[in-house]
C-alpha atoms as a PDB file:
ATOM      1  CA  MET A   1     129.116  84.647 105.946  1.00  0.00           C
ATOM      2  CA  HIS A   2     127.394  82.558 103.295  1.00  0.00           C
ATOM      3  CA  PRO A   3     123.896  83.988 102.633  1.00  0.00           C
ATOM      4  CA  ILE A   4     122.322  80.560 103.205  1.00  0.00           C
ATOM      5  CA  LEU A   5     124.107  79.930 106.500  1.00  0.00           C
ATOM      6  CA  ALA A   6     123.291  83.451 107.691  1.00  0.00           C
ATOM      7  CA  ASN A   7     119.620  82.527 107.991  1.00  0.00           C
ATOM      8  CA  ARG A   8     118.325  79.593 110.044  1.00  0.00           C
ATOM      9  CA  THR A   9     115.353  78.921 107.767  1.00  0.00           C
ATOM     10  CA  ARG A  10     117.524  78.949 104.647  1.00  0.00           C
ATOM     11  CA  THR A  11     119.994  76.602 106.318  1.00  0.00           C
ATOM     12  CA  LEU A  12     117.215  74.160 107.196  1.00  0.00           C
ATOM     13  CA  LEU A  13     115.838  74.247 103.653  1.00  0.00           C
ATOM     14  CA  TYR A  14     119.339  73.763 102.234  1.00  0.00           C
ATOM     15  CA  VAL A  15     120.044  70.728 104.420  1.00  0.00           C
ATOM     16  CA  THR A  16     116.610  69.308 103.564  1.00  0.00           C
ATOM     17  CA  ALA A  17     117.461  69.622  99.855  1.00  0.00           C
ATOM     18  CA  TRP A  18     120.365  67.205 100.429  1.00  0.00           C
ATOM     19  CA  LEU A  19     118.043  64.404 101.644  1.00  0.00           C
ATOM     20  CA  PRO A  20     117.100  63.290  98.089  1.00  0.00           C
ATOM     21  CA  ILE A  21     120.803  63.320  97.197  1.00  0.00           C
ATOM     22  CA  ALA A  22     121.591  61.164 100.217  1.00  0.00           C
ATOM     23  CA  SER A  23     118.776  58.770  99.295  1.00  0.00           C
ATOM     24  CA  LEU A  24     120.081  58.478  95.735  1.00  0.00           C
ATOM     25  CA  LEU A  25     123.647  57.810  96.894  1.00  0.00           C
ATOM     26  CA  THR A  26     122.324  55.192  99.329  1.00  0.00           C
ATOM     27  CA  GLN A  27     120.648  53.378  96.437  1.00  0.00           C
ATOM     28  CA  VAL A  28     123.820  53.603  94.363  1.00  0.00           C
ATOM     29  CA  LEU A  29     125.951  52.307  97.250  1.00  0.00           C
ATOM     30  CA  THR A  30     123.779  49.236  97.641  1.00  0.00           C
ATOM     31  CA  ARG A  31     124.185  48.180  94.019  1.00  0.00           C
ATOM     32  CA  GLY A  32     125.735  44.747  93.691  1.00  0.00           C
ATOM     33  CA  GLY A  33     124.614  43.749  97.139  1.00  0.00           C
ATOM     34  CA  THR A  34     128.003  44.371  98.741  1.00  0.00           C
ATOM     35  CA  ILE A  35     126.498  46.822 101.267  1.00  0.00           C
ATOM     36  CA  GLY A  36     123.016  46.589 102.780  1.00  0.00           C
ATOM     37  CA  TRP A  37     120.693  49.564 102.583  1.00  0.00           C
ATOM     38  CA  ARG A  38     120.757  50.142 106.346  1.00  0.00           C
ATOM     39  CA  GLU A  39     124.558  50.146 106.385  1.00  0.00           C
ATOM     40  CA  ALA A  40     124.634  52.366 103.314  1.00  0.00           C
ATOM     41  CA  ALA A  41     122.160  54.834 104.878  1.00  0.00           C
ATOM     42  CA  ALA A  42     124.181  54.905 108.116  1.00  0.00           C
ATOM     43  CA  ILE A  43     127.249  55.836 106.084  1.00  0.00           C
ATOM     44  CA  VAL A  44     125.819  58.127 103.392  1.00  0.00           C
ATOM     45  CA  PHE A  45     123.399  60.369 105.333  1.00  0.00           C
ATOM     46  CA  PRO A  46     126.032  61.687 107.818  1.00  0.00           C
ATOM     47  CA  MET A  47     128.485  62.011 104.905  1.00  0.00           C
ATOM     48  CA  CYS A  48     126.016  64.101 102.895  1.00  0.00           C
ATOM     49  CA  LEU A  49     125.311  66.302 105.913  1.00  0.00           C
ATOM     50  CA  LEU A  50     129.044  66.945 106.225  1.00  0.00           C
ATOM     51  CA  TYR A  51     129.537  67.479 102.486  1.00  0.00           C
ATOM     52  CA  SER A  52     126.657  69.920 102.296  1.00  0.00           C
ATOM     53  CA  PHE A  53     128.725  72.298 104.427  1.00  0.00           C
ATOM     54  CA  ILE A  54     132.007  71.453 102.691  1.00  0.00           C
ATOM     55  CA  CYS A  55     130.417  72.461  99.374  1.00  0.00           C
ATOM     56  CA  GLN A  56     129.404  75.810 100.825  1.00  0.00           C
ATOM     57  CA  ALA A  57     133.096  76.614 101.238  1.00  0.00           C
ATOM     58  CA  SER A  58     133.103  77.066  97.443  1.00  0.00           C
ATOM     59  CA  TRP A  59     131.248  80.356  98.113  1.00  0.00           C
ATOM     60  CA  TYR A  60     134.476  81.972  99.273  1.00  0.00           C
ATOM     61  CA  LEU A  61     136.400  80.551  96.324  1.00  0.00           C
ATOM     62  CA  CYS A  62     133.746  81.887  93.945  1.00  0.00           C
ATOM     63  CA  ARG A  63     134.128  85.336  95.466  1.00  0.00           C
ATOM     64  CA  ALA A  64     137.910  85.119  95.219  1.00  0.00           C
ATOM     65  CA  VAL A  65     137.714  83.972  91.567  1.00  0.00           C
ATOM     66  CA  PRO A  66     134.703  85.884  90.158  1.00  0.00           C
ATOM     67  CA  LEU A  67     133.231  85.453  86.714  1.00  0.00           C
ATOM     68  CA  ARG A  68     134.447  88.403  84.727  1.00  0.00           C
ATOM     69  CA  ILE A  69     135.638  89.535  81.338  1.00  0.00           C
ATOM     70  CA  ALA A  70     139.380  89.366  80.945  1.00  0.00           C
ATOM     71  CA  PRO A  71     140.982  92.825  81.327  1.00  0.00           C
ATOM     72  CA  PRO A  72     142.661  94.485  78.344  1.00  0.00           C
ATOM     73  CA  GLY A  73     146.012  92.910  77.552  1.00  0.00           C
ATOM     74  CA  GLN A  74     145.129  89.580  79.189  1.00  0.00           C
ATOM     75  CA  ARG A  75     144.029  86.670  77.065  1.00  0.00           C
ATOM     76  CA  PHE A  76     140.590  85.224  77.626  1.00  0.00           C
ATOM     77  CA  GLU A  77     142.054  81.690  77.727  1.00  0.00           C
ATOM     78  CA  SER A  78     144.251  82.509  80.718  1.00  0.00           C
ATOM     79  CA  GLU A  79     141.257  83.762  82.694  1.00  0.00           C
ATOM     80  CA  THR A  80     139.289  80.610  81.818  1.00  0.00           C
ATOM     81  CA  VAL A  81     142.167  78.316  82.747  1.00  0.00           C
ATOM     82  CA  ARG A  82     142.541  80.116  86.068  1.00  0.00           C
ATOM     83  CA  LEU A  83     138.825  79.761  86.792  1.00  0.00           C
ATOM     84  CA  ILE A  84     138.532  76.099  85.816  1.00  0.00           C
ATOM     85  CA  GLY A  85     141.833  75.169  87.443  1.00  0.00           C
ATOM     86  CA  SER A  86     140.918  76.710  90.778  1.00  0.00           C
ATOM     87  CA  HIS A  87     137.537  75.026  91.014  1.00  0.00           C
ATOM     88  CA  ALA A  88     138.729  71.698  89.608  1.00  0.00           C
ATOM     89  CA  THR A  89     141.486  71.533  92.214  1.00  0.00           C
ATOM     90  CA  ALA A  90     139.070  72.445  94.986  1.00  0.00           C
ATOM     91  CA  ALA A  91     136.548  69.835  93.758  1.00  0.00           C
ATOM     92  CA  VAL A  92     139.141  67.047  93.636  1.00  0.00           C
ATOM     93  CA  VAL A  93     140.618  67.878  97.049  1.00  0.00           C
ATOM     94  CA  SER A  94     137.163  68.246  98.666  1.00  0.00           C
ATOM     95  CA  ALA A  95     135.823  65.004  97.148  1.00  0.00           C
ATOM     96  CA  ALA A  96     138.974  63.071  98.096  1.00  0.00           C
ATOM     97  CA  ALA A  97     138.844  64.344 101.683  1.00  0.00           C
ATOM     98  CA  TRP A  98     135.112  63.565 101.835  1.00  0.00           C
ATOM     99  CA  VAL A  99     135.605  59.982 100.618  1.00  0.00           C
ATOM    100  CA  ALA A 100     138.486  59.475 103.063  1.00  0.00           C
ATOM    101  CA  ILE A 101     136.361  60.749 105.946  1.00  0.00           C
ATOM    102  CA  GLY A 102     133.633  58.359 104.777  1.00  0.00           C
ATOM    103  CA  TRP A 103     136.022  55.426 104.970  1.00  0.00           C
ATOM    104  CA  VAL A 104     136.941  56.398 108.546  1.00  0.00           C
ATOM    105  CA  TRP A 105     133.234  56.695 109.369  1.00  0.00           C
ATOM    106  CA  ALA A 106     132.502  53.285 107.827  1.00  0.00           C
ATOM    107  CA  SER A 107     135.285  51.760 109.894  1.00  0.00           C
ATOM    108  CA  ILE A 108     133.869  53.336 113.069  1.00  0.00           C
ATOM    109  CA  ILE A 109     130.406  51.966 112.262  1.00  0.00           C
ATOM    110  CA  GLY A 110     131.859  48.494 111.580  1.00  0.00           C
ATOM    111  CA  SER A 111     133.789  48.363 114.851  1.00  0.00           C
ATOM    112  CA  THR A 112     130.929  49.839 116.894  1.00  0.00           C
ATOM    113  CA  PHE A 113     128.188  47.536 115.616  1.00  0.00           C
ATOM    114  CA  ASN A 114     130.430  44.524 114.823  1.00  0.00           C
ATOM    115  CA  ILE A 115     129.741  44.665 111.092  1.00  0.00           C
ATOM    116  CA  SER A 116     132.608  42.737 109.567  1.00  0.00           C
ATOM    117  CA  GLY A 117     134.099  43.774 106.239  1.00  0.00           C
ATOM    118  CA  ILE A 118     132.107  47.010 105.893  1.00  0.00           C
ATOM    119  CA  SER A 119     135.215  49.157 105.428  1.00  0.00           C
ATOM    120  CA  SER A 120     136.539  46.891 102.669  1.00  0.00           C
ATOM    121  CA  ARG A 121     133.153  46.859 100.952  1.00  0.00           C
ATOM    122  CA  TYR A 122     133.113  50.655 101.221  1.00  0.00           C
ATOM    123  CA  VAL A 123     136.481  50.810  99.473  1.00  0.00           C
ATOM    124  CA  THR A 124     134.961  49.157  96.383  1.00  0.00           C
ATOM    125  CA  GLN A 125     132.483  52.058  96.141  1.00  0.00           C
ATOM    126  CA  MET A 126     135.018  54.833  96.696  1.00  0.00           C
ATOM    127  CA  PRO A 127     135.538  55.666  92.975  1.00  0.00           C
ATOM    128  CA  MET A 128     131.802  56.144  92.516  1.00  0.00           C
ATOM    129  CA  LEU A 129     131.575  58.274  95.665  1.00  0.00           C
ATOM    130  CA  PHE A 130     134.597  60.310  94.560  1.00  0.00           C
ATOM    131  CA  ILE A 131     133.018  61.083  91.177  1.00  0.00           C
ATOM    132  CA  SER A 132     129.738  61.974  92.905  1.00  0.00           C
ATOM    133  CA  GLY A 133     131.615  64.291  95.272  1.00  0.00           C
ATOM    134  CA  VAL A 134     133.279  66.115  92.360  1.00  0.00           C
ATOM    135  CA  VAL A 135     129.952  66.521  90.542  1.00  0.00           C
ATOM    136  CA  LEU A 136     128.204  67.801  93.690  1.00  0.00           C
ATOM    137  CA  PHE A 137     130.990  70.287  94.340  1.00  0.00           C
ATOM    138  CA  VAL A 138     130.766  71.600  90.760  1.00  0.00           C
ATOM    139  CA  ILE A 139     126.990  71.980  91.153  1.00  0.00           C
ATOM    140  CA  ALA A 140     127.581  73.900  94.394  1.00  0.00           C
ATOM    141  CA  VAL A 141     130.037  76.179  92.552  1.00  0.00           C
ATOM    142  CA  ALA A 142     127.456  76.930  89.853  1.00  0.00           C
ATOM    143  CA  PHE A 143     124.809  77.561  92.524  1.00  0.00           C
ATOM    144  CA  ASN A 144     127.106  79.929  94.425  1.00  0.00           C
ATOM    145  CA  TYR A 145     127.955  81.872  91.279  1.00  0.00           C
ATOM    146  CA  LEU A 146     124.206  82.251  90.752  1.00  0.00           C
ATOM    147  CA  LEU A 147     123.808  83.553  94.311  1.00  0.00           C
ATOM    148  CA  ILE A 148     126.665  86.008  93.797  1.00  0.00           C
ATOM    149  CA  THR A 149     125.037  87.235  90.585  1.00  0.00           C
ATOM    150  CA  PHE A 150     121.751  87.797  92.430  1.00  0.00           C
ATOM    151  CA  GLU A 151     123.599  89.587  95.223  1.00  0.00           C
ATOM    152  CA  VAL A 152     125.385  91.885  92.773  1.00  0.00           C
ATOM    153  CA  SER A 153     122.084  92.565  90.983  1.00  0.00           C
ATOM    154  CA  ARG A 154     120.332  93.328  94.274  1.00  0.00           C
ATOM    155  CA  LYS A 155     123.114  95.692  95.361  1.00  0.00           C
ATOM    156  CA  ALA A 156     123.020  97.426  91.975  1.00  0.00           C
ATOM    157  CA  GLU A 157     119.241  97.831  92.259  1.00  0.00           C
ATOM    158  CA  SER A 158     119.591  99.146  95.801  1.00  0.00           C
ATOM    159  CA  LYS A 159     122.272 101.580  94.634  1.00  0.00           C
ATOM    160  CA  ALA A 160     120.062 102.719  91.767  1.00  0.00           C
ATOM    161  CA  LEU A 161     117.169 103.352  94.165  1.00  0.00           C
ATOM    162  CA  GLU A 162     119.497 105.242  96.492  1.00  0.00           C
ATOM    163  CA  LEU A 163     120.721 107.395  93.619  1.00  0.00           C
ATOM    164  CA  GLN A 164     117.105 107.989  92.563  1.00  0.00           C
ATOM    165  CA  VAL A 165     116.233 109.176  96.068  1.00  0.00           C
ATOM    166  CA  LEU A 166     119.292 111.433  96.122  1.00  0.00           C
ATOM    167  CA  ALA A 167     118.335 112.795  92.704  1.00  0.00           C
ATOM    168  CA  ARG A 168     114.842 113.611  93.941  1.00  0.00           C
ATOM    169  CA  GLU A 169     116.241 115.312  97.021  1.00  0.00           C
ATOM    170  CA  ALA A 170     118.615 117.315  94.840  1.00  0.00           C
ATOM    171  CA  GLU A 171     115.692 118.196  92.578  1.00  0.00           C
ATOM    172  CA  LEU A 172     113.662 119.544  95.491  1.00  0.00           C
ATOM    173  CA  LYS A 173     116.645 121.501  96.782  1.00  0.00           C
ATOM    174  CA  ALA A 174     117.093 122.966  93.316  1.00  0.00           C
ATOM    175  CA  LEU A 175     113.435 123.906  93.214  1.00  0.00           C
ATOM    176  CA  ARG A 176     113.670 125.674  96.546  1.00  0.00           C
ATOM    177  CA  ALA A 177     116.789 127.446  95.300  1.00  0.00           C
ATOM    178  CA  GLN A 178     114.893 128.491  92.165  1.00  0.00           C
ATOM    179  CA  ILE A 179     112.407 130.655  94.048  1.00  0.00           C
ATOM    180  CA  ASP A 180     112.794 133.671  91.887  1.00  0.00           C
ATOM    181  CA  PRO A 181     115.364 136.046  93.429  1.00  0.00           C
ATOM    182  CA  HIS A 182     113.466 138.824  91.686  1.00  0.00           C
ATOM    183  CA  PHE A 183     110.391 137.840  93.658  1.00  0.00           C
ATOM    184  CA  LEU A 184     112.275 138.199  96.948  1.00  0.00           C
ATOM    185  CA  PHE A 185     113.922 141.402  95.745  1.00  0.00           C
ATOM    186  CA  ASN A 186     110.603 142.895  94.650  1.00  0.00           C
ATOM    187  CA  SER A 187     108.893 141.792  97.852  1.00  0.00           C
ATOM    188  CA  LEU A 188     111.551 143.415 100.033  1.00  0.00           C
ATOM    189  CA  ASN A 189     111.394 146.595  97.932  1.00  0.00           C
ATOM    190  CA  SER A 190     107.623 146.627  98.278  1.00  0.00           C
ATOM    191  CA  ILE A 191     107.907 146.173 102.039  1.00  0.00           C
ATOM    192  CA  SER A 192     110.394 149.039 102.162  1.00  0.00           C
ATOM    193  CA  ALA A 193     108.058 151.262 100.164  1.00  0.00           C
ATOM    194  CA  LEU A 194     105.070 150.334 102.304  1.00  0.00           C
ATOM    195  CA  VAL A 195     106.766 150.956 105.636  1.00  0.00           C
ATOM    196  CA  MET A 196     106.069 154.690 105.465  1.00  0.00           C
ATOM    197  CA  ALA A 197     102.982 154.797 103.253  1.00  0.00           C
ATOM    198  CA  ASP A 198     101.139 151.741 104.606  1.00  0.00           C
ATOM    199  CA  PRO A 199     102.733 150.226 107.750  1.00  0.00           C
ATOM    200  CA  ALA A 200      99.901 147.730 108.134  1.00  0.00           C
ATOM    201  CA  GLY A 201     100.399 146.536 104.549  1.00  0.00           C
ATOM    202  CA  ALA A 202     104.141 146.201 105.123  1.00  0.00           C
ATOM    203  CA  ARG A 203     103.569 144.090 108.225  1.00  0.00           C
ATOM    204  CA  ARG A 204     101.054 141.925 106.369  1.00  0.00           C
ATOM    205  CA  MET A 205     103.480 141.384 103.516  1.00  0.00           C
ATOM    206  CA  CYS A 206     106.250 140.416 105.972  1.00  0.00           C
ATOM    207  CA  VAL A 207     103.953 137.850 107.581  1.00  0.00           C
ATOM    208  CA  LEU A 208     102.879 136.445 104.212  1.00  0.00           C
ATOM    209  CA  LEU A 209     106.464 136.241 103.003  1.00  0.00           C
ATOM    210  CA  ALA A 210     107.556 134.448 106.179  1.00  0.00           C
ATOM    211  CA  ASP A 211     104.620 132.015 105.906  1.00  0.00           C
ATOM    212  CA  PHE A 212     105.433 131.287 102.286  1.00  0.00           C
ATOM    213  CA  LEU A 213     109.126 130.614 102.900  1.00  0.00           C
ATOM    214  CA  ARG A 214     108.355 128.483 105.951  1.00  0.00           C
ATOM    215  CA  GLY A 215     105.751 126.488 104.055  1.00  0.00           C
ATOM    216  CA  SER A 216     107.977 125.943 101.014  1.00  0.00           C
ATOM    217  CA  LEU A 217     110.778 124.567 103.185  1.00  0.00           C
ATOM    218  CA  LYS A 218     108.465 122.362 105.251  1.00  0.00           C
ATOM    219  CA  LEU A 219     106.411 120.897 102.420  1.00  0.00           C
ATOM    220  CA  GLY A 220     109.333 120.688 100.000  1.00  0.00           C
ATOM    221  CA  SER A 221     111.034 118.107 102.253  1.00  0.00           C
ATOM    222  CA  LYS A 222     108.173 115.628 101.731  1.00  0.00           C
ATOM    223  CA  GLU A 223     107.791 113.189  98.860  1.00  0.00           C
ATOM    224  CA  ARG A 224     104.077 113.878  98.320  1.00  0.00           C
ATOM    225  CA  ILE A 225     101.612 116.288  99.883  1.00  0.00           C
ATOM    226  CA  PRO A 226      97.810 116.681  99.613  1.00  0.00           C
ATOM    227  CA  LEU A 227      96.687 118.964  96.815  1.00  0.00           C
ATOM    228  CA  VAL A 228      94.958 121.250  99.312  1.00  0.00           C
ATOM    229  CA  GLU A 229      98.319 122.041 100.939  1.00  0.00           C
ATOM    230  CA  GLU A 230      99.984 122.626  97.583  1.00  0.00           C
ATOM    231  CA  MET A 231      97.159 124.974  96.597  1.00  0.00           C
ATOM    232  CA  ARG A 232      97.446 126.799  99.912  1.00  0.00           C
ATOM    233  CA  LEU A 233     101.146 127.435  99.299  1.00  0.00           C
ATOM    234  CA  ALA A 234     100.485 128.651  95.750  1.00  0.00           C
ATOM    235  CA  GLU A 235      97.783 130.997  97.008  1.00  0.00           C
ATOM    236  CA  CYS A 236     100.150 132.308  99.681  1.00  0.00           C
ATOM    237  CA  TYR A 237     102.591 133.229  96.917  1.00  0.00           C
ATOM    238  CA  LEU A 238      99.812 134.974  95.003  1.00  0.00           C
ATOM    239  CA  ASP A 239      98.692 136.857  98.121  1.00  0.00           C
ATOM    240  CA  ILE A 240     102.208 138.270  98.465  1.00  0.00           C
ATOM    241  CA  GLU A 241     102.225 139.343  94.857  1.00  0.00           C
ATOM    242  CA  ARG A 242      98.784 140.892  95.296  1.00  0.00           C
ATOM    243  CA  VAL A 243     100.160 143.139  98.052  1.00  0.00           C
ATOM    244  CA  ARG A 244     102.922 144.194  95.653  1.00  0.00           C
ATOM    245  CA  LEU A 245     100.826 144.515  92.501  1.00  0.00           C
ATOM    246  CA  GLY A 246      97.672 145.802  94.149  1.00  0.00           C
ATOM    247  CA  ALA A 247      94.476 145.870  92.100  1.00  0.00           C
ATOM    248  CA  ARG A 248      96.360 144.804  88.976  1.00  0.00           C
ATOM    249  CA  LEU A 249      96.345 141.211  90.232  1.00  0.00           C
ATOM    250  CA  LYS A 250      93.089 139.357  90.662  1.00  0.00           C
ATOM    251  CA  ILE A 251      92.898 135.708  91.754  1.00  0.00           C
ATOM    252  CA  GLN A 252      90.152 133.291  90.811  1.00  0.00           C
ATOM    253  CA  ARG A 253      89.930 129.921  92.593  1.00  0.00           C
ATOM    254  CA  ASP A 254      87.831 126.914  91.631  1.00  0.00           C
ATOM    255  CA  ILE A 255      88.967 123.876  93.643  1.00  0.00           C
ATOM    256  CA  ASP A 256      86.838 120.720  93.704  1.00  0.00           C
ATOM    257  CA  PRO A 257      86.766 119.345  97.291  1.00  0.00           C
ATOM    258  CA  GLU A 258      86.813 115.828  95.841  1.00  0.00           C
ATOM    259  CA  CYS A 259      90.432 116.224  94.771  1.00  0.00           C
ATOM    260  CA  GLU A 260      91.851 118.033  97.806  1.00  0.00           C
ATOM    261  CA  ALA A 261      93.174 114.779  99.311  1.00  0.00           C
ATOM    262  CA  CYS A 262      94.976 113.689  96.122  1.00  0.00           C
ATOM    263  CA  LEU A 263      98.721 113.512  96.673  1.00  0.00           C
ATOM    264  CA  VAL A 264     100.928 115.617  94.405  1.00  0.00           C
ATOM    265  CA  PRO A 265     104.655 116.404  94.300  1.00  0.00           C
ATOM    266  CA  PRO A 266     105.504 119.360  96.569  1.00  0.00           C
ATOM    267  CA  LEU A 267     106.159 122.721  94.909  1.00  0.00           C
ATOM    268  CA  ILE A 268     104.809 121.425  91.603  1.00  0.00           C
ATOM    269  CA  MET A 269     102.653 124.551  91.189  1.00  0.00           C
ATOM    270  CA  GLN A 270     105.267 127.065  92.350  1.00  0.00           C
ATOM    271  CA  PRO A 271     106.858 127.459  88.878  1.00  0.00           C
ATOM    272  CA  LEU A 272     103.392 127.726  87.302  1.00  0.00           C
ATOM    273  CA  VAL A 273     102.075 130.567  89.442  1.00  0.00           C
ATOM    274  CA  GLU A 274     105.466 132.288  89.342  1.00  0.00           C
ATOM    275  CA  ASN A 275     105.390 132.069  85.545  1.00  0.00           C
ATOM    276  CA  ALA A 276     101.827 133.455  85.550  1.00  0.00           C
ATOM    277  CA  ILE A 277     102.928 136.542  87.510  1.00  0.00           C
ATOM    278  CA  THR A 278     106.339 137.130  85.928  1.00  0.00           C
ATOM    279  CA  HIS A 279     105.319 136.657  82.279  1.00  0.00           C
ATOM    280  CA  GLY A 280     101.606 137.340  82.480  1.00  0.00           C
ATOM    281  CA  VAL A 281     100.319 139.889  85.000  1.00  0.00           C
ATOM    282  CA  ALA A 282     103.420 141.907  85.934  1.00  0.00           C
ATOM    283  CA  PRO A 283     104.396 143.056  82.377  1.00  0.00           C
ATOM    284  CA  THR A 284     100.888 144.249  81.498  1.00  0.00           C
ATOM    285  CA  ILE A 285      99.648 147.715  82.472  1.00  0.00           C
ATOM    286  CA  ASP A 286      96.170 146.618  83.450  1.00  0.00           C
ATOM    287  CA  GLY A 287      97.257 143.333  85.059  1.00  0.00           C
ATOM    288  CA  GLY A 288      94.744 140.532  84.910  1.00  0.00           C
ATOM    289  CA  VAL A 289      93.226 137.454  86.501  1.00  0.00           C
ATOM    290  CA  VAL A 290      95.243 134.403  87.531  1.00  0.00           C
ATOM    291  CA  SER A 291      92.925 131.403  87.616  1.00  0.00           C
ATOM    292  CA  LEU A 292      93.575 128.287  89.721  1.00  0.00           C
ATOM    293  CA  GLN A 293      91.393 125.266  88.973  1.00  0.00           C
ATOM    294  CA  ALA A 294      91.427 121.676  90.186  1.00  0.00           C
ATOM    295  CA  GLU A 295      88.878 118.955  89.504  1.00  0.00           C
ATOM    296  CA  ARG A 296      88.586 115.178  89.386  1.00  0.00           C
ATOM    297  CA  ASN A 297      89.033 113.658  85.965  1.00  0.00           C
ATOM    298  CA  GLY A 298      88.068 110.006  86.234  1.00  0.00           C
ATOM    299  CA  ALA A 299      90.767 108.292  88.296  1.00  0.00           C
ATOM    300  CA  GLY A 300      92.964 111.363  88.054  1.00  0.00           C
ATOM    301  CA  VAL A 301      92.981 115.042  88.835  1.00  0.00           C
ATOM    302  CA  ARG A 302      93.201 117.999  86.433  1.00  0.00           C
ATOM    303  CA  ILE A 303      95.018 121.126  87.642  1.00  0.00           C
ATOM    304  CA  VAL A 304      94.876 124.303  85.565  1.00  0.00           C
ATOM    305  CA  VAL A 305      96.755 127.581  85.975  1.00  0.00           C
ATOM    306  CA  GLU A 306      95.665 130.293  83.565  1.00  0.00           C
ATOM    307  CA  ASN A 307      96.847 133.867  83.217  1.00  0.00           C
ATOM    308  CA  PRO A 308      96.685 136.765  80.734  1.00  0.00           C
ATOM    309  CA  VAL A 309      99.455 137.167  78.186  1.00  0.00           C
ATOM    310  CA  GLU A 310     100.089 139.776  75.527  1.00  0.00           C
ATOM    311  CA  ASP A 311      99.288 138.616  72.020  1.00  0.00           C
ATOM    312  CA  GLU A 312     102.770 139.632  70.871  1.00  0.00           C
ATOM    313  CA  ALA A 313     104.414 137.408  73.479  1.00  0.00           C
ATOM    314  CA  THR A 314     106.641 134.714  72.045  1.00  0.00           C
ATOM    315  CA  THR A 315     106.115 132.220  74.813  1.00  0.00           C
ATOM    316  CA  LYS A 316     106.242 128.727  73.434  1.00  0.00           C
ATOM    317  CA  ASN A 317     104.875 125.522  74.897  1.00  0.00           C
ATOM    318  CA  GLY A 318     107.280 124.291  77.541  1.00  0.00           C
ATOM    319  CA  ALA A 319     109.875 126.911  76.623  1.00  0.00           C
ATOM    320  CA  GLY A 320     110.313 128.322  80.142  1.00  0.00           C
ATOM    321  CA  VAL A 321     112.839 126.779  82.503  1.00  0.00           C
ATOM    322  CA  GLY A 322     110.203 126.406  85.209  1.00  0.00           C
ATOM    323  CA  LEU A 323     107.758 124.673  82.863  1.00  0.00           C
ATOM    324  CA  LYS A 324     110.460 122.308  81.622  1.00  0.00           C
ATOM    325  CA  ASN A 325     111.323 121.544  85.207  1.00  0.00           C
ATOM    326  CA  VAL A 326     107.715 120.618  85.971  1.00  0.00           C
ATOM    327  CA  LYS A 327     107.481 118.461  82.857  1.00  0.00           C
ATOM    328  CA  MET A 328     110.648 116.556  83.766  1.00  0.00           C
ATOM    329  CA  ARG A 329     109.478 115.992  87.336  1.00  0.00           C
ATOM    330  CA  LEU A 330     106.188 114.534  86.141  1.00  0.00           C
ATOM    331  CA  ALA A 331     107.992 112.212  83.731  1.00  0.00           C
ATOM    332  CA  ASN A 332     110.379 110.976  86.440  1.00  0.00           C
ATOM    333  CA  LEU A 333     107.814 110.605  89.213  1.00  0.00           C
ATOM    334  CA  TYR A 334     104.892 109.064  87.302  1.00  0.00           C
ATOM    335  CA  ASP A 335     106.557 107.030  84.520  1.00  0.00           C
ATOM    336  CA  GLY A 336     104.306 108.397  81.805  1.00  0.00           C
ATOM    337  CA  ASP A 337     101.086 108.352  83.873  1.00  0.00           C
ATOM    338  CA  ALA A 338     101.054 112.165  84.104  1.00  0.00           C
ATOM    339  CA  ARG A 339     101.411 114.927  81.563  1.00  0.00           C
ATOM    340  CA  MET A 340     101.537 118.698  81.184  1.00  0.00           C
ATOM    341  CA  ASP A 341      99.793 120.586  78.363  1.00  0.00           C
ATOM    342  CA  VAL A 342     100.629 124.225  77.596  1.00  0.00           C
ATOM    343  CA  ASN A 343      98.469 126.413  75.353  1.00  0.00           C
ATOM    344  CA  GLN A 344      98.356 130.099  74.438  1.00  0.00           C
ATOM    345  CA  ASN A 345      95.209 131.408  72.791  1.00  0.00           C
ATOM    346  CA  ALA A 346      93.233 134.658  72.651  1.00  0.00           C
ATOM    347  CA  GLY A 347      95.402 136.500  75.133  1.00  0.00           C
ATOM    348  CA  ARG A 348      95.333 133.704  77.738  1.00  0.00           C
ATOM    349  CA  PHE A 349      98.191 131.378  78.699  1.00  0.00           C
ATOM    350  CA  ARG A 350      97.009 128.021  80.054  1.00  0.00           C
ATOM    351  CA  VAL A 351      99.002 125.250  81.769  1.00  0.00           C
ATOM    352  CA  GLU A 352      97.123 122.028  82.466  1.00  0.00           C
ATOM    353  CA  LEU A 353      98.455 119.152  84.587  1.00  0.00           C
ATOM    354  CA  GLN A 354      96.918 115.684  84.409  1.00  0.00           C
ATOM    355  CA  LEU A 355      97.957 113.565  87.427  1.00  0.00           C
ATOM    356  CA  PRO A 356      96.813 110.260  88.902  1.00  0.00           C
ATOM    357  CA  CYS A 357      94.804 110.852  92.060  1.00  0.00           C
ATOM    358  CA  ASP A 358      96.986 108.800  94.416  1.00  0.00           C
ATOM    359  CA  ARG A 359      95.967 108.845  98.058  1.00  0.00           C
ATOM    360  CA  GLU A 360      98.929 106.692  99.131  1.00  0.00           C
ATOM    361  CA  LEU A 361     102.596 107.052  98.237  1.00  0.00           C
ATOM    362  CA  ARG A 362     103.723 105.052  95.229  1.00  0.00           C
ATOM    363  CA  THR A 363     106.498 102.485  95.861  1.00  0.00           C
END
């Protein structure tokens, strides 16, 4: 169905837009004094109401003969001739039928109200009405092509948004799939080793591991989560590693309550804390301190993950797959309003995230 006729309000506005056209044609029809303005209005206004719907039939012709670039091997002139010929024929046939219907209507008015000679006087104005009908039909064709262009643009935008949503879902699924298999392997090995030596520790590690996996699946399905929940999941991961690494891993937290309600992408810190353990604490004999910090920074929030690193390490800014993943997510989700800074200095590896402190989802 035509997009205008599919909506009652649009239909009313469309019909109302024809009133000035009907008024103009009434004035034109009364030129020369052959037809009075009342007679002309009685003829023209119903005719324009009818023609307003006849012109909308060009919508289907416009869809059947779309504006497009000629395909390879076909001359551009043949496509243009086809386009112009189709609409010119439709305009002539529609205008001729409209004028003929107008003559019948004028005759009915003359016989009903005993207005002598009105049909013959109408005939003298038929060429002008025919030309007007052709012009109005061509205008309707141009208008319908414009509507089709808007419709195609809207569908393309909707498709792009749909693909963006699918890409984000795929990204989250990839993140969940990227939970380091070595982490699960090491955790299960640690549980196995603790079963005999420390049954209570083994049970605690099983509970922590289950909580972490459950939380990552639950929160990862959301578009944004409060920072406090993201921090809780990161700390759960670190608690598991602390059972495995023992006293070698120390955790330092400094979370500003003012930023706990700020919304952040789910699992945005998972690669950071995993990187801190895998490349920072685990390889060193003495272990070290993993520091988690979050504070308000004007209208935004600053999140810092810091861990020890050997001076000989060759870690480069953004070189890790996990860090690149985080950087790409921030670029896609915040359109340049967020950034990630990575620094290595004096035996410490520092990752700093600068995010807007949104408390409602961005549209």
